[in-house]
Amino acid sequence: MKLIFALCFSFLILGVSCKKDPVVETRSVLELLTNNSTKTWQVKDGFAKQGDVEVNLIASQNPCVTDNQIVLGSDFSYSFLEGASKCSPDDPDLILQATWQLAADESSITIDKFIFLGRTIDKPTFVLSSVTEATFSGTTTITVNGETFDVTVTFEQIK
């Protein structure tokens, strides 16, 4: 009887300890950035660095600038929208419409035209450092008035 009990107990322990590994769903960068349709993002943090000097681009900006939004479409459409607050009552809701590309290895995106803190930047390539369901971040290099800056930006999803 003890032998039967020991065997049953052993099978019970083996049955409980042999759990299946959870299924991990991996989504492509395109899916994370667009949710297979469109997804709206807003700048959360932004820093410009030149040599040893780093400047927070967001901290001193008016919310009418920092609350602007970008919409990335899975068809590679791109919209830059006025946020909840406007700097001027005449500001249009749609600031810019363009297209974007995702590198074949999903390591970077290139936007045809981007407006950041009042500056228009043509064809910036944004090297992705992190992409999740709720945020993405990366770096780009821009030149303003002959000065070159490395810019790191983090975007968060707007729901």
C-alpha atoms as a PDB file:
ATOM      1  CA  MET A   1       0.000   0.000   0.000  1.00  0.00           C
ATOM      2  CA  LYS A   2       2.859   2.344   0.839  1.00  0.00           C
ATOM      3  CA  LEU A   3       4.381   1.563  -2.553  1.00  0.00           C
ATOM      4  CA  ILE A   4       1.152   2.467  -4.401  1.00  0.00           C
ATOM      5  CA  PHE A   5       0.828   5.643  -2.350  1.00  0.00           C
ATOM      6  CA  ALA A   6       4.474   6.569  -3.084  1.00  0.00           C
ATOM      7  CA  LEU A   7       4.019   5.957  -6.828  1.00  0.00           C
ATOM      8  CA  CYS A   8       0.805   8.024  -6.942  1.00  0.00           C
ATOM      9  CA  PHE A   9       2.487  10.812  -4.990  1.00  0.00           C
ATOM     10  CA  SER A  10       5.493  10.738  -7.352  1.00  0.00           C
ATOM     11  CA  PHE A  11       3.270  10.971 -10.440  1.00  0.00           C
ATOM     12  CA  LEU A  12       1.358  13.833  -8.843  1.00  0.00           C
ATOM     13  CA  ILE A  13       4.595  15.730  -8.110  1.00  0.00           C
ATOM     14  CA  LEU A  14       5.898  15.087 -11.631  1.00  0.00           C
ATOM     15  CA  GLY A  15       2.604  16.207 -13.148  1.00  0.00           C
ATOM     16  CA  VAL A  16       2.620  19.467 -11.200  1.00  0.00           C
ATOM     17  CA  SER A  17       6.284  20.237 -11.784  1.00  0.00           C
ATOM     18  CA  CYS A  18       6.145  19.633 -15.551  1.00  0.00           C
ATOM     19  CA  LYS A  19       4.400  22.882 -16.467  1.00  0.00           C
ATOM     20  CA  LYS A  20       4.473  24.130 -20.009  1.00  0.00           C
ATOM     21  CA  ASP A  21       6.563  27.211 -20.598  1.00  0.00           C
ATOM     22  CA  PRO A  22       4.391  30.267 -21.169  1.00  0.00           C
ATOM     23  CA  VAL A  23       3.955  31.282 -24.789  1.00  0.00           C
ATOM     24  CA  VAL A  24       5.826  34.502 -25.449  1.00  0.00           C
ATOM     25  CA  GLU A  25       4.225  36.566 -28.151  1.00  0.00           C
ATOM     26  CA  THR A  26       6.764  38.528 -30.119  1.00  0.00           C
ATOM     27  CA  ARG A  27       5.563  41.467 -32.123  1.00  0.00           C
ATOM     28  CA  SER A  28       7.507  43.170 -34.853  1.00  0.00           C
ATOM     29  CA  VAL A  29       8.684  46.738 -34.450  1.00  0.00           C
ATOM     30  CA  LEU A  30       6.140  47.773 -37.087  1.00  0.00           C
ATOM     31  CA  GLU A  31       3.339  46.192 -35.035  1.00  0.00           C
ATOM     32  CA  LEU A  32       4.563  47.852 -31.838  1.00  0.00           C
ATOM     33  CA  LEU A  33       4.829  51.270 -33.496  1.00  0.00           C
ATOM     34  CA  THR A  34       1.502  51.126 -35.353  1.00  0.00           C
ATOM     35  CA  ASN A  35      -0.658  48.456 -33.706  1.00  0.00           C
ATOM     36  CA  ASN A  36      -1.327  47.151 -37.252  1.00  0.00           C
ATOM     37  CA  SER A  37      -3.270  50.322 -38.059  1.00  0.00           C
ATOM     38  CA  THR A  38      -2.284  53.647 -36.512  1.00  0.00           C
ATOM     39  CA  LYS A  39      -0.822  54.570 -33.173  1.00  0.00           C
ATOM     40  CA  THR A  40      -0.458  58.000 -31.580  1.00  0.00           C
ATOM     41  CA  TRP A  41       2.704  59.034 -29.745  1.00  0.00           C
ATOM     42  CA  GLN A  42       3.914  62.077 -27.817  1.00  0.00           C
ATOM     43  CA  VAL A  43       7.412  63.164 -26.823  1.00  0.00           C
ATOM     44  CA  LYS A  44       8.074  62.216 -23.209  1.00  0.00           C
ATOM     45  CA  ASP A  45      11.763  63.182 -22.923  1.00  0.00           C
ATOM     46  CA  GLY A  46      14.294  64.755 -25.221  1.00  0.00           C
ATOM     47  CA  PHE A  47      17.940  65.651 -24.797  1.00  0.00           C
ATOM     48  CA  ALA A  48      20.438  67.271 -27.147  1.00  0.00           C
ATOM     49  CA  LYS A  49      24.106  66.625 -26.623  1.00  0.00           C
ATOM     50  CA  GLN A  50      27.111  68.308 -28.136  1.00  0.00           C
ATOM     51  CA  GLY A  51      30.416  67.114 -26.760  1.00  0.00           C
ATOM     52  CA  ASP A  52      30.119  67.036 -22.973  1.00  0.00           C
ATOM     53  CA  VAL A  53      27.184  69.465 -22.856  1.00  0.00           C
ATOM     54  CA  GLU A  54      23.686  67.998 -22.613  1.00  0.00           C
ATOM     55  CA  VAL A  55      20.469  70.041 -22.635  1.00  0.00           C
ATOM     56  CA  ASN A  56      16.959  68.875 -21.708  1.00  0.00           C
ATOM     57  CA  LEU A  57      14.868  69.932 -24.708  1.00  0.00           C
ATOM     58  CA  ILE A  58      11.515  69.392 -23.057  1.00  0.00           C
ATOM     59  CA  ALA A  59      11.822  70.869 -19.552  1.00  0.00           C
ATOM     60  CA  SER A  60      11.849  74.503 -20.656  1.00  0.00           C
ATOM     61  CA  GLN A  61       9.336  74.219 -23.484  1.00  0.00           C
ATOM     62  CA  ASN A  62       5.770  75.457 -23.481  1.00  0.00           C
ATOM     63  CA  PRO A  63       3.174  72.636 -23.230  1.00  0.00           C
ATOM     64  CA  CYS A  64       1.638  73.929 -26.464  1.00  0.00           C
ATOM     65  CA  VAL A  65       4.772  72.530 -28.136  1.00  0.00           C
ATOM     66  CA  THR A  66       5.504  69.462 -26.031  1.00  0.00           C
ATOM     67  CA  ASP A  67       1.958  68.081 -26.189  1.00  0.00           C
ATOM     68  CA  ASN A  68       2.009  67.773 -29.996  1.00  0.00           C
ATOM     69  CA  GLN A  69       1.485  64.250 -31.272  1.00  0.00           C
ATOM     70  CA  ILE A  70       2.707  62.013 -34.058  1.00  0.00           C
ATOM     71  CA  VAL A  71       0.597  59.295 -35.621  1.00  0.00           C
ATOM     72  CA  LEU A  72       2.440  56.423 -37.281  1.00  0.00           C
ATOM     73  CA  GLY A  73       0.435  54.308 -39.716  1.00  0.00           C
ATOM     74  CA  SER A  74       1.139  50.732 -40.717  1.00  0.00           C
ATOM     75  CA  ASP A  75       0.832  51.974 -44.330  1.00  0.00           C
ATOM     76  CA  PHE A  76       3.865  54.189 -43.508  1.00  0.00           C
ATOM     77  CA  SER A  77       1.789  57.353 -43.324  1.00  0.00           C
ATOM     78  CA  TYR A  78       2.826  59.946 -40.780  1.00  0.00           C
ATOM     79  CA  SER A  79       0.855  62.817 -39.269  1.00  0.00           C
ATOM     80  CA  PHE A  80       2.088  65.506 -36.926  1.00  0.00           C
ATOM     81  CA  LEU A  81      -0.833  66.891 -34.927  1.00  0.00           C
ATOM     82  CA  GLU A  82      -1.401  69.835 -32.627  1.00  0.00           C
ATOM     83  CA  GLY A  83      -1.857  68.618 -29.065  1.00  0.00           C
ATOM     84  CA  ALA A  84      -4.531  69.619 -26.570  1.00  0.00           C
ATOM     85  CA  SER A  85      -3.063  73.106 -26.105  1.00  0.00           C
ATOM     86  CA  LYS A  86      -2.280  75.514 -28.913  1.00  0.00           C
ATOM     87  CA  CYS A  87       0.337  78.246 -28.904  1.00  0.00           C
ATOM     88  CA  SER A  88      -1.958  80.359 -31.071  1.00  0.00           C
ATOM     89  CA  PRO A  89      -5.723  79.979 -31.689  1.00  0.00           C
ATOM     90  CA  ASP A  90      -4.898  79.928 -35.420  1.00  0.00           C
ATOM     91  CA  ASP A  91      -2.653  76.847 -35.156  1.00  0.00           C
ATOM     92  CA  PRO A  92      -4.007  74.082 -37.413  1.00  0.00           C
ATOM     93  CA  ASP A  93      -4.887  70.688 -35.926  1.00  0.00           C
ATOM     94  CA  LEU A  94      -2.850  68.962 -38.661  1.00  0.00           C
ATOM     95  CA  ILE A  95       0.631  70.466 -38.689  1.00  0.00           C
ATOM     96  CA  LEU A  96       2.252  68.118 -41.180  1.00  0.00           C
ATOM     97  CA  GLN A  97       1.478  64.985 -43.139  1.00  0.00           C
ATOM     98  CA  ALA A  98       4.263  62.883 -44.625  1.00  0.00           C
ATOM     99  CA  THR A  99       5.552  59.326 -44.865  1.00  0.00           C
ATOM    100  CA  TRP A 100       8.067  57.272 -42.930  1.00  0.00           C
ATOM    101  CA  GLN A 101      10.156  54.174 -43.550  1.00  0.00           C
ATOM    102  CA  LEU A 102      11.285  51.345 -41.303  1.00  0.00           C
ATOM    103  CA  ALA A 103      14.725  49.884 -41.995  1.00  0.00           C
ATOM    104  CA  ALA A 104      14.655  46.268 -43.197  1.00  0.00           C
ATOM    105  CA  ASP A 105      16.342  45.147 -39.978  1.00  0.00           C
ATOM    106  CA  GLU A 106      13.854  47.245 -37.919  1.00  0.00           C
ATOM    107  CA  SER A 107      16.721  49.126 -36.255  1.00  0.00           C
ATOM    108  CA  SER A 108      15.712  52.623 -37.368  1.00  0.00           C
ATOM    109  CA  ILE A 109      12.970  54.754 -38.836  1.00  0.00           C
ATOM    110  CA  THR A 110      13.295  57.639 -41.270  1.00  0.00           C
ATOM    111  CA  ILE A 111      10.621  60.308 -41.442  1.00  0.00           C
ATOM    112  CA  ASP A 112      10.327  62.450 -44.582  1.00  0.00           C
ATOM    113  CA  LYS A 113       9.975  65.626 -42.524  1.00  0.00           C
ATOM    114  CA  PHE A 114       9.848  66.280 -38.798  1.00  0.00           C
ATOM    115  CA  ILE A 115       9.172  69.459 -36.860  1.00  0.00           C
ATOM    116  CA  PHE A 116      10.749  69.562 -33.429  1.00  0.00           C
ATOM    117  CA  LEU A 117      10.750  72.648 -31.218  1.00  0.00           C
ATOM    118  CA  GLY A 118      10.009  74.912 -34.167  1.00  0.00           C
ATOM    119  CA  ARG A 119      12.706  73.448 -36.431  1.00  0.00           C
ATOM    120  CA  THR A 120      11.895  71.532 -39.599  1.00  0.00           C
ATOM    121  CA  ILE A 121      14.217  68.587 -40.129  1.00  0.00           C
ATOM    122  CA  ASP A 122      14.216  66.794 -43.488  1.00  0.00           C
ATOM    123  CA  LYS A 123      14.724  63.022 -43.617  1.00  0.00           C
ATOM    124  CA  PRO A 124      15.940  62.428 -40.052  1.00  0.00           C
ATOM    125  CA  THR A 125      16.892  58.834 -39.331  1.00  0.00           C
ATOM    126  CA  PHE A 126      16.003  57.819 -35.818  1.00  0.00           C
ATOM    127  CA  VAL A 127      18.080  54.863 -34.582  1.00  0.00           C
ATOM    128  CA  LEU A 128      15.848  52.878 -32.252  1.00  0.00           C
ATOM    129  CA  SER A 129      17.259  51.874 -28.889  1.00  0.00           C
ATOM    130  CA  SER A 130      14.043  50.563 -27.314  1.00  0.00           C
ATOM    131  CA  VAL A 131      10.554  49.749 -28.603  1.00  0.00           C
ATOM    132  CA  THR A 132       7.747  48.480 -26.387  1.00  0.00           C
ATOM    133  CA  GLU A 133       3.977  48.544 -26.515  1.00  0.00           C
ATOM    134  CA  ALA A 134       3.897  51.848 -24.581  1.00  0.00           C
ATOM    135  CA  THR A 135       7.164  53.662 -25.428  1.00  0.00           C
ATOM    136  CA  PHE A 136       9.914  53.904 -27.975  1.00  0.00           C
ATOM    137  CA  SER A 137      13.191  55.768 -27.896  1.00  0.00           C
ATOM    138  CA  GLY A 138      16.293  56.355 -29.922  1.00  0.00           C
ATOM    139  CA  THR A 139      18.749  58.870 -31.260  1.00  0.00           C
ATOM    140  CA  THR A 140      19.317  61.015 -34.299  1.00  0.00           C
ATOM    141  CA  THR A 141      21.884  63.587 -35.329  1.00  0.00           C
ATOM    142  CA  ILE A 142      20.687  67.006 -36.441  1.00  0.00           C
ATOM    143  CA  THR A 143      22.421  70.143 -37.649  1.00  0.00           C
ATOM    144  CA  VAL A 144      21.025  73.535 -36.667  1.00  0.00           C
ATOM    145  CA  ASN A 145      22.754  76.763 -37.729  1.00  0.00           C
ATOM    146  CA  GLY A 146      25.892  74.806 -38.622  1.00  0.00           C
ATOM    147  CA  GLU A 147      26.020  73.109 -35.201  1.00  0.00           C
ATOM    148  CA  THR A 148      25.640  69.318 -34.964  1.00  0.00           C
ATOM    149  CA  PHE A 149      23.791  67.733 -32.051  1.00  0.00           C
ATOM    150  CA  ASP A 150      23.057  64.159 -31.008  1.00  0.00           C
ATOM    151  CA  VAL A 151      19.422  64.090 -29.966  1.00  0.00           C
ATOM    152  CA  THR A 152      17.889  61.342 -27.827  1.00  0.00           C
ATOM    153  CA  VAL A 153      14.104  61.245 -27.669  1.00  0.00           C
ATOM    154  CA  THR A 154      11.609  59.029 -25.863  1.00  0.00           C
ATOM    155  CA  PHE A 155       8.022  58.833 -27.061  1.00  0.00           C
ATOM    156  CA  GLU A 156       5.063  57.480 -25.110  1.00  0.00           C
ATOM    157  CA  GLN A 157       1.812  56.143 -26.490  1.00  0.00           C
ATOM    158  CA  ILE A 158      -1.257  58.366 -26.230  1.00  0.00           C
ATOM    159  CA  LYS A 159      -4.378  56.344 -25.562  1.00  0.00           C
END
